[in-house]
N, C-alpha and C. Protein backbone atom coordinates (compact mmCIF):
# COMPACT_ATOMS: atom_id res chain seq x y z
N MET A 1 112.19 84.47 115.96
CA MET A 1 112.55 84.61 114.57
C MET A 1 111.76 85.77 113.98
N ALA A 2 112.42 86.61 113.19
CA ALA A 2 111.77 87.76 112.60
C ALA A 2 110.84 87.32 111.47
N PRO A 3 109.73 88.04 111.30
CA PRO A 3 108.83 87.67 110.20
C PRO A 3 109.47 87.99 108.86
N LYS A 4 109.08 87.25 107.85
CA LYS A 4 109.57 87.50 106.50
C LYS A 4 108.92 88.76 105.96
N LEU A 5 109.71 89.61 105.31
CA LEU A 5 109.16 90.84 104.77
C LEU A 5 108.76 90.72 103.30
N ILE A 6 109.18 89.69 102.64
CA ILE A 6 108.82 89.50 101.25
C ILE A 6 107.77 88.40 101.16
N ASN A 7 106.68 88.70 100.48
CA ASN A 7 105.59 87.75 100.35
C ASN A 7 105.30 87.55 98.87
N LYS A 8 105.44 86.33 98.38
CA LYS A 8 105.25 86.04 96.97
C LYS A 8 103.81 86.26 96.53
N ASN A 9 102.89 86.31 97.45
CA ASN A 9 101.49 86.52 97.11
C ASN A 9 101.15 87.99 96.88
N LEU A 10 102.04 88.89 97.29
CA LEU A 10 101.80 90.31 97.08
C LEU A 10 102.24 90.70 95.68
N ASN A 11 101.71 91.80 95.18
CA ASN A 11 102.14 92.24 93.86
C ASN A 11 103.56 92.81 93.93
N ASN A 12 104.15 92.99 92.78
CA ASN A 12 105.54 93.41 92.67
C ASN A 12 105.80 94.76 93.35
N GLU A 13 104.88 95.71 93.24
CA GLU A 13 105.05 97.03 93.85
C GLU A 13 105.14 96.91 95.38
N LYS A 14 104.28 96.10 95.96
CA LYS A 14 104.30 95.91 97.41
C LYS A 14 105.60 95.25 97.85
N ASN A 15 106.07 94.26 97.09
CA ASN A 15 107.34 93.61 97.43
C ASN A 15 108.50 94.59 97.34
N LYS A 16 108.50 95.47 96.35
CA LYS A 16 109.55 96.49 96.22
C LYS A 16 109.53 97.43 97.42
N GLU A 17 108.34 97.82 97.84
CA GLU A 17 108.20 98.71 98.99
C GLU A 17 108.69 98.02 100.27
N LEU A 18 108.30 96.76 100.46
CA LEU A 18 108.76 96.02 101.63
C LEU A 18 110.27 95.83 101.62
N GLN A 19 110.84 95.59 100.44
CA GLN A 19 112.29 95.44 100.33
C GLN A 19 112.99 96.74 100.70
N LYS A 20 112.41 97.86 100.32
CA LYS A 20 112.98 99.17 100.67
C LYS A 20 113.04 99.33 102.20
N TYR A 21 111.97 98.96 102.89
CA TYR A 21 111.95 99.04 104.35
C TYR A 21 113.00 98.10 104.95
N LYS A 22 113.08 96.90 104.40
CA LYS A 22 114.06 95.94 104.90
C LYS A 22 115.48 96.48 104.72
N ASP A 23 115.76 97.07 103.57
CA ASP A 23 117.09 97.64 103.32
C ASP A 23 117.42 98.76 104.29
N THR A 24 116.42 99.58 104.61
CA THR A 24 116.62 100.68 105.57
C THR A 24 116.93 100.13 106.96
N ILE A 25 116.18 99.12 107.38
CA ILE A 25 116.43 98.50 108.69
C ILE A 25 117.84 97.90 108.73
N LYS A 26 118.24 97.24 107.66
CA LYS A 26 119.58 96.64 107.61
C LYS A 26 120.67 97.71 107.71
N LYS A 27 120.46 98.88 107.10
CA LYS A 27 121.44 99.97 107.21
C LYS A 27 121.56 100.45 108.65
N TYR A 28 120.43 100.58 109.35
CA TYR A 28 120.46 100.94 110.76
C TYR A 28 121.21 99.89 111.57
N GLN A 29 120.95 98.62 111.28
CA GLN A 29 121.63 97.54 111.99
C GLN A 29 123.14 97.61 111.78
N GLU A 30 123.58 97.86 110.56
CA GLU A 30 125.02 97.97 110.29
C GLU A 30 125.63 99.11 111.09
N PHE A 31 124.94 100.26 111.13
CA PHE A 31 125.42 101.41 111.90
C PHE A 31 125.53 101.05 113.38
N ILE A 32 124.51 100.41 113.91
CA ILE A 32 124.50 100.05 115.33
C ILE A 32 125.63 99.07 115.64
N LYS A 33 125.81 98.05 114.81
CA LYS A 33 126.86 97.06 115.04
C LYS A 33 128.25 97.71 115.03
N LYS A 34 128.45 98.72 114.19
CA LYS A 34 129.74 99.40 114.09
C LYS A 34 130.00 100.34 115.26
N ASN A 35 128.95 100.97 115.77
CA ASN A 35 129.12 102.08 116.70
C ASN A 35 128.66 101.83 118.13
N PHE A 36 128.09 100.67 118.39
CA PHE A 36 127.60 100.35 119.73
C PHE A 36 128.16 99.01 120.18
N GLU A 37 128.22 98.83 121.48
CA GLU A 37 128.70 97.57 122.06
C GLU A 37 127.52 96.64 122.30
N TYR A 38 127.63 95.41 121.80
CA TYR A 38 126.57 94.42 122.00
C TYR A 38 126.72 93.79 123.37
N VAL A 39 125.65 93.85 124.18
CA VAL A 39 125.68 93.28 125.53
C VAL A 39 124.70 92.11 125.68
N GLY A 40 124.04 91.74 124.61
CA GLY A 40 123.17 90.58 124.61
C GLY A 40 122.01 90.67 125.57
N GLU A 41 121.76 89.56 126.26
CA GLU A 41 120.63 89.46 127.20
C GLU A 41 120.85 90.31 128.45
N ASN A 42 122.05 90.82 128.65
CA ASN A 42 122.36 91.61 129.83
C ASN A 42 122.04 93.09 129.66
N PHE A 43 121.27 93.44 128.63
CA PHE A 43 121.01 94.84 128.34
C PHE A 43 120.45 95.60 129.53
N SER A 44 119.39 95.10 130.15
CA SER A 44 118.74 95.82 131.26
C SER A 44 119.70 96.06 132.41
N GLN A 45 120.46 95.02 132.77
CA GLN A 45 121.42 95.17 133.88
C GLN A 45 122.51 96.17 133.53
N LYS A 46 123.02 96.06 132.32
CA LYS A 46 124.13 96.92 131.89
C LYS A 46 123.69 98.39 131.81
N VAL A 47 122.51 98.64 131.26
CA VAL A 47 122.06 100.02 131.12
C VAL A 47 121.77 100.63 132.50
N ARG A 48 121.26 99.84 133.42
CA ARG A 48 121.06 100.35 134.79
C ARG A 48 122.40 100.69 135.44
N SER A 49 123.37 99.82 135.25
CA SER A 49 124.70 100.05 135.82
C SER A 49 125.29 101.36 135.31
N ILE A 50 125.17 101.59 134.03
CA ILE A 50 125.69 102.83 133.44
C ILE A 50 124.91 104.03 133.97
N HIS A 51 123.59 103.92 133.99
CA HIS A 51 122.73 105.03 134.40
C HIS A 51 122.97 105.43 135.86
N TYR A 52 122.98 104.45 136.74
CA TYR A 52 123.09 104.77 138.16
C TYR A 52 124.52 105.10 138.60
N SER A 53 125.51 104.65 137.88
CA SER A 53 126.89 105.00 138.24
C SER A 53 127.25 106.40 137.74
N GLY A 54 126.47 106.89 136.78
CA GLY A 54 126.75 108.21 136.24
C GLY A 54 127.94 108.22 135.29
N SER A 55 128.51 107.06 135.03
CA SER A 55 129.67 107.00 134.15
C SER A 55 129.24 107.15 132.69
N LYS A 56 130.09 107.77 131.93
CA LYS A 56 129.85 107.91 130.49
C LYS A 56 130.68 106.87 129.77
N LYS A 57 130.06 106.19 128.84
CA LYS A 57 130.78 105.20 128.04
C LYS A 57 131.14 105.83 126.70
N GLU A 58 132.26 105.38 126.16
CA GLU A 58 132.65 105.87 124.85
C GLU A 58 131.66 105.41 123.78
N LYS A 59 131.17 104.20 123.93
CA LYS A 59 130.20 103.64 122.99
C LYS A 59 128.89 103.40 123.71
N GLY A 60 127.80 103.58 122.96
CA GLY A 60 126.51 103.20 123.49
C GLY A 60 126.42 101.68 123.49
N ILE A 61 125.33 101.17 124.02
CA ILE A 61 125.16 99.72 124.06
C ILE A 61 123.86 99.33 123.38
N TYR A 62 123.81 98.07 122.95
CA TYR A 62 122.57 97.50 122.45
C TYR A 62 122.52 96.04 122.83
N GLY A 63 121.31 95.52 122.89
CA GLY A 63 121.13 94.13 123.26
C GLY A 63 119.65 93.81 123.23
N THR A 64 119.27 92.78 123.94
CA THR A 64 117.87 92.37 123.95
C THR A 64 117.27 92.56 125.32
N ALA A 65 115.98 92.91 125.31
CA ALA A 65 115.23 93.10 126.55
C ALA A 65 113.77 92.82 126.25
N SER A 66 113.06 92.38 127.26
CA SER A 66 111.63 92.13 127.09
C SER A 66 110.88 93.46 127.16
N LYS A 67 109.62 93.43 126.73
CA LYS A 67 108.79 94.64 126.84
C LYS A 67 108.67 95.07 128.30
N LYS A 68 108.55 94.09 129.17
CA LYS A 68 108.43 94.39 130.61
C LYS A 68 109.69 95.10 131.10
N ASP A 69 110.87 94.59 130.69
CA ASP A 69 112.12 95.23 131.08
C ASP A 69 112.17 96.67 130.59
N LEU A 70 111.76 96.90 129.35
CA LEU A 70 111.78 98.25 128.79
C LEU A 70 110.82 99.18 129.53
N GLU A 71 109.66 98.66 129.90
CA GLU A 71 108.70 99.45 130.68
C GLU A 71 109.29 99.83 132.04
N GLU A 72 109.96 98.89 132.69
CA GLU A 72 110.57 99.16 133.99
C GLU A 72 111.69 100.20 133.86
N LEU A 73 112.49 100.08 132.81
CA LEU A 73 113.54 101.07 132.59
C LEU A 73 112.95 102.46 132.39
N LYS A 74 111.87 102.55 131.64
CA LYS A 74 111.20 103.82 131.41
C LYS A 74 110.69 104.41 132.72
N GLU A 75 110.10 103.56 133.57
CA GLU A 75 109.61 104.01 134.88
C GLU A 75 110.74 104.54 135.75
N GLU A 76 111.94 104.01 135.55
CA GLU A 76 113.10 104.46 136.32
C GLU A 76 113.74 105.70 135.71
N GLY A 77 113.19 106.18 134.60
CA GLY A 77 113.73 107.38 133.96
C GLY A 77 114.89 107.09 133.03
N ILE A 78 115.03 105.85 132.61
CA ILE A 78 116.12 105.46 131.71
C ILE A 78 115.54 105.38 130.30
N ASP A 79 116.05 106.23 129.42
CA ASP A 79 115.54 106.30 128.06
C ASP A 79 116.17 105.22 127.19
N THR A 80 115.35 104.39 126.59
CA THR A 80 115.81 103.36 125.66
C THR A 80 114.95 103.43 124.40
N GLN A 81 115.41 102.82 123.35
CA GLN A 81 114.65 102.74 122.11
C GLN A 81 114.60 101.30 121.65
N MET A 82 113.48 100.92 121.08
CA MET A 82 113.35 99.58 120.53
C MET A 82 113.28 99.72 119.01
N ILE A 83 114.08 98.91 118.32
CA ILE A 83 114.04 98.93 116.86
C ILE A 83 113.83 97.51 116.35
N PRO A 84 113.24 97.38 115.16
CA PRO A 84 113.11 96.04 114.59
C PRO A 84 114.47 95.50 114.23
N TRP A 85 114.65 94.21 114.33
CA TRP A 85 115.94 93.57 114.02
C TRP A 85 115.68 92.41 113.09
N ILE A 86 116.36 92.40 111.97
CA ILE A 86 116.16 91.37 110.95
C ILE A 86 117.39 90.47 110.90
N GLU A 87 117.16 89.20 111.11
CA GLU A 87 118.23 88.20 110.93
C GLU A 87 118.08 87.68 109.51
N ASP A 88 118.90 88.19 108.62
CA ASP A 88 118.79 87.84 107.21
C ASP A 88 119.73 86.69 106.89
N LYS A 89 119.18 85.52 106.73
CA LYS A 89 119.98 84.32 106.45
C LYS A 89 120.43 84.26 104.99
N ASP A 90 119.84 85.10 104.14
CA ASP A 90 120.17 85.07 102.71
C ASP A 90 121.48 85.77 102.38
N ASN A 91 121.95 86.65 103.25
CA ASN A 91 123.17 87.44 102.96
C ASN A 91 124.39 86.82 103.55
């Protein structure tokens, strides 16, 4: 579960700043969901398959992977990026 970005104990300015970051992350998430294929827990396997087959996909992929998986992909020369993901139950 993602940590909460709004803290009632912080002053109003800090909450506004945190909300700005949360809004930016949500915009990235919307872009990714629209333009990439979700592969879930199969991310590491799927990205290796694409990389080693040399095939180009029309859409990029996204999913979940452990830090260890990401380190192994990097060692294999496969470039990946990790971004924060917010599950916002309020929207």
